[in-house]
Amino acid sequence: MNLSLGGALLTAGPKLPMGQRVSIAFNVPTMDEAIEVGATVRWSDDKATGIQFDGLRARDVWALNKYFEQLPALS
């Protein structure tokens, strides 16, 4: 639903307890392999969960920045 260098807003899955550690993998078109990262649940309700990444590898940051650059600008 939402993605940044610091975390993500997820709409899939059940409500998770705040502070729970999770591991996720996702793809972006600017990188051939999946980005895998550990994260902490910062909030969760019946509709979405906000997670904070533990830290991305340099190549993951590069791929995400390249992906963000090609997205249409918000007005």
N, C-alpha and C. Protein backbone atom coordinates (compact mmCIF):
# COMPACT_ATOMS: atom_id res chain seq x y z
N MET A 1 0.83 -1.19 0.00
CA MET A 1 0.00 0.00 0.00
C MET A 1 0.87 1.26 0.00
N ASN A 2 1.98 1.22 0.76
CA ASN A 2 2.88 2.36 0.85
C ASN A 2 4.27 1.82 1.16
N LEU A 3 5.29 2.41 0.53
CA LEU A 3 6.66 1.92 0.70
C LEU A 3 7.61 3.10 0.77
N SER A 4 8.55 3.04 1.71
CA SER A 4 9.60 4.06 1.81
C SER A 4 10.91 3.37 2.19
N LEU A 5 11.97 4.13 2.30
CA LEU A 5 13.24 3.56 2.74
C LEU A 5 13.19 3.15 4.21
N GLY A 6 12.25 3.69 4.96
CA GLY A 6 12.17 3.40 6.39
C GLY A 6 11.20 2.30 6.77
N GLY A 7 10.26 1.99 5.88
CA GLY A 7 9.27 0.98 6.24
C GLY A 7 8.19 0.85 5.19
N ALA A 8 7.09 0.23 5.60
CA ALA A 8 6.00 -0.02 4.65
C ALA A 8 4.67 -0.09 5.39
N LEU A 9 3.62 0.17 4.64
CA LEU A 9 2.25 -0.01 5.10
C LEU A 9 1.70 -1.20 4.34
N LEU A 10 1.34 -2.26 5.06
CA LEU A 10 0.89 -3.50 4.45
C LEU A 10 -0.60 -3.70 4.68
N THR A 11 -1.29 -4.24 3.67
CA THR A 11 -2.71 -4.51 3.84
C THR A 11 -3.02 -6.00 3.87
N ALA A 12 -2.03 -6.84 3.67
CA ALA A 12 -2.26 -8.28 3.67
C ALA A 12 -2.02 -8.86 5.06
N GLY A 13 -2.77 -9.89 5.38
CA GLY A 13 -2.53 -10.63 6.61
C GLY A 13 -3.33 -10.15 7.80
N PRO A 14 -3.20 -10.88 8.89
CA PRO A 14 -3.96 -10.58 10.11
C PRO A 14 -3.34 -9.42 10.89
N LYS A 15 -4.09 -8.91 11.85
CA LYS A 15 -3.59 -7.88 12.76
C LYS A 15 -2.43 -8.47 13.56
N LEU A 16 -1.34 -7.70 13.67
CA LEU A 16 -0.15 -8.15 14.38
C LEU A 16 0.09 -7.31 15.62
N PRO A 17 0.65 -7.89 16.67
CA PRO A 17 0.92 -7.12 17.88
C PRO A 17 2.04 -6.10 17.68
N MET A 18 1.87 -4.91 18.26
CA MET A 18 2.89 -3.88 18.19
C MET A 18 4.19 -4.42 18.80
N GLY A 19 5.30 -4.15 18.12
CA GLY A 19 6.60 -4.59 18.59
C GLY A 19 7.02 -5.96 18.08
N GLN A 20 6.10 -6.67 17.41
CA GLN A 20 6.46 -7.99 16.89
C GLN A 20 7.50 -7.87 15.80
N ARG A 21 8.47 -8.77 15.80
CA ARG A 21 9.49 -8.81 14.77
C ARG A 21 8.97 -9.64 13.60
N VAL A 22 9.17 -9.13 12.39
CA VAL A 22 8.75 -9.83 11.18
C VAL A 22 9.89 -9.79 10.17
N SER A 23 9.81 -10.66 9.21
CA SER A 23 10.75 -10.67 8.09
C SER A 23 9.90 -10.65 6.82
N ILE A 24 10.24 -9.76 5.90
CA ILE A 24 9.46 -9.68 4.66
C ILE A 24 10.40 -9.70 3.45
N ALA A 25 9.85 -10.06 2.33
CA ALA A 25 10.55 -10.02 1.05
C ALA A 25 9.60 -9.42 0.03
N PHE A 26 10.11 -8.53 -0.82
CA PHE A 26 9.28 -7.92 -1.85
C PHE A 26 10.15 -7.58 -3.05
N ASN A 27 9.51 -7.40 -4.18
CA ASN A 27 10.22 -7.10 -5.43
C ASN A 27 9.93 -5.68 -5.89
N VAL A 28 10.93 -5.09 -6.50
CA VAL A 28 10.77 -3.82 -7.21
C VAL A 28 11.35 -4.02 -8.61
N PRO A 29 10.83 -3.32 -9.61
CA PRO A 29 11.28 -3.55 -10.99
C PRO A 29 12.73 -3.16 -11.25
N THR A 30 13.36 -2.42 -10.37
CA THR A 30 14.73 -1.97 -10.59
C THR A 30 15.78 -2.95 -10.04
N MET A 31 15.32 -4.13 -9.57
CA MET A 31 16.25 -5.13 -9.03
C MET A 31 15.74 -6.51 -9.39
N ASP A 32 16.64 -7.37 -9.84
CA ASP A 32 16.24 -8.71 -10.29
C ASP A 32 15.81 -9.63 -9.16
N GLU A 33 16.44 -9.51 -8.01
CA GLU A 33 16.08 -10.39 -6.90
C GLU A 33 15.28 -9.64 -5.85
N ALA A 34 14.61 -10.41 -5.00
CA ALA A 34 13.76 -9.81 -3.96
C ALA A 34 14.60 -9.09 -2.91
N ILE A 35 14.04 -8.03 -2.38
CA ILE A 35 14.61 -7.35 -1.22
C ILE A 35 14.08 -8.07 0.01
N GLU A 36 14.97 -8.54 0.86
CA GLU A 36 14.59 -9.23 2.09
C GLU A 36 15.09 -8.40 3.26
N VAL A 37 14.20 -8.14 4.22
CA VAL A 37 14.57 -7.29 5.35
C VAL A 37 13.77 -7.66 6.59
N GLY A 38 14.40 -7.53 7.73
CA GLY A 38 13.70 -7.68 9.00
C GLY A 38 13.02 -6.37 9.34
N ALA A 39 11.98 -6.43 10.14
CA ALA A 39 11.23 -5.22 10.49
C ALA A 39 10.51 -5.42 11.81
N THR A 40 10.03 -4.30 12.35
CA THR A 40 9.26 -4.30 13.59
C THR A 40 7.89 -3.70 13.32
N VAL A 41 6.85 -4.34 13.84
CA VAL A 41 5.49 -3.82 13.70
C VAL A 41 5.37 -2.59 14.60
N ARG A 42 5.01 -1.45 14.03
CA ARG A 42 4.83 -0.20 14.79
C ARG A 42 3.38 0.06 15.13
N TRP A 43 2.45 -0.42 14.29
CA TRP A 43 1.02 -0.34 14.58
C TRP A 43 0.29 -1.32 13.67
N SER A 44 -0.90 -1.72 14.08
CA SER A 44 -1.68 -2.64 13.28
C SER A 44 -3.15 -2.52 13.68
N ASP A 45 -4.04 -2.59 12.68
CA ASP A 45 -5.47 -2.64 12.94
C ASP A 45 -6.08 -3.66 11.99
N ASP A 46 -7.39 -3.68 11.88
CA ASP A 46 -8.06 -4.68 11.04
C ASP A 46 -7.84 -4.45 9.55
N LYS A 47 -7.34 -3.28 9.17
CA LYS A 47 -7.20 -2.96 7.75
C LYS A 47 -5.75 -2.92 7.26
N ALA A 48 -4.79 -2.60 8.14
CA ALA A 48 -3.42 -2.44 7.68
C ALA A 48 -2.44 -2.59 8.84
N THR A 49 -1.17 -2.74 8.48
CA THR A 49 -0.09 -2.84 9.46
C THR A 49 1.07 -1.97 8.99
N GLY A 50 1.60 -1.16 9.89
CA GLY A 50 2.76 -0.33 9.60
C GLY A 50 4.01 -0.98 10.18
N ILE A 51 5.02 -1.18 9.34
CA ILE A 51 6.27 -1.77 9.82
C ILE A 51 7.44 -0.83 9.57
N GLN A 52 8.44 -0.92 10.44
CA GLN A 52 9.67 -0.15 10.31
C GLN A 52 10.80 -1.12 10.01
N PHE A 53 11.50 -0.88 8.89
CA PHE A 53 12.62 -1.75 8.52
C PHE A 53 13.76 -1.62 9.53
N ASP A 54 14.46 -2.75 9.75
CA ASP A 54 15.64 -2.72 10.61
C ASP A 54 16.78 -1.98 9.94
N GLY A 55 16.89 -2.12 8.66
CA GLY A 55 17.95 -1.48 7.90
C GLY A 55 18.09 -2.19 6.57
N LEU A 56 18.19 -1.44 5.53
CA LEU A 56 18.32 -2.01 4.19
C LEU A 56 19.79 -2.06 3.79
N ARG A 57 20.14 -3.02 2.96
CA ARG A 57 21.49 -3.09 2.40
C ARG A 57 21.65 -1.96 1.38
N ALA A 58 22.88 -1.58 1.12
CA ALA A 58 23.15 -0.47 0.18
C ALA A 58 22.52 -0.72 -1.18
N ARG A 59 22.61 -1.93 -1.69
CA ARG A 59 22.04 -2.23 -3.02
C ARG A 59 20.52 -2.12 -3.00
N ASP A 60 19.90 -2.44 -1.85
CA ASP A 60 18.44 -2.31 -1.73
C ASP A 60 18.03 -0.85 -1.73
N VAL A 61 18.80 -0.01 -1.01
CA VAL A 61 18.53 1.43 -0.99
C VAL A 61 18.66 1.99 -2.41
N TRP A 62 19.70 1.59 -3.13
CA TRP A 62 19.92 2.05 -4.50
C TRP A 62 18.72 1.66 -5.38
N ALA A 63 18.29 0.39 -5.31
CA ALA A 63 17.19 -0.09 -6.14
C ALA A 63 15.89 0.63 -5.80
N LEU A 64 15.63 0.85 -4.51
CA LEU A 64 14.42 1.57 -4.13
C LEU A 64 14.45 3.01 -4.59
N ASN A 65 15.58 3.68 -4.44
CA ASN A 65 15.68 5.07 -4.91
C ASN A 65 15.47 5.16 -6.41
N LYS A 66 16.03 4.23 -7.18
CA LYS A 66 15.82 4.21 -8.64
C LYS A 66 14.35 3.97 -8.96
N TYR A 67 13.71 3.10 -8.20
CA TYR A 67 12.27 2.84 -8.40
C TYR A 67 11.45 4.09 -8.08
N PHE A 68 11.75 4.75 -6.96
CA PHE A 68 11.01 5.97 -6.58
C PHE A 68 11.19 7.07 -7.63
N GLU A 69 12.38 7.17 -8.23
CA GLU A 69 12.65 8.20 -9.26
C GLU A 69 11.75 8.03 -10.48
N GLN A 70 11.39 6.81 -10.82
CA GLN A 70 10.58 6.60 -12.02
C GLN A 70 9.07 6.71 -11.77
N LEU A 71 8.66 6.85 -10.52
CA LEU A 71 7.24 7.00 -10.22
C LEU A 71 6.76 8.41 -10.61
N PRO A 72 5.52 8.55 -11.00
CA PRO A 72 5.01 9.89 -11.33
C PRO A 72 5.03 10.79 -10.09
N ALA A 73 5.35 12.04 -10.31
CA ALA A 73 5.39 13.02 -9.21
C ALA A 73 3.97 13.31 -8.72
N LEU A 74 3.83 13.44 -7.41
CA LEU A 74 2.54 13.82 -6.84
C LEU A 74 2.35 15.32 -6.95
N SER A 75 1.15 15.75 -7.29
CA SER A 75 0.91 17.20 -7.41
C SER A 75 0.34 17.75 -6.14
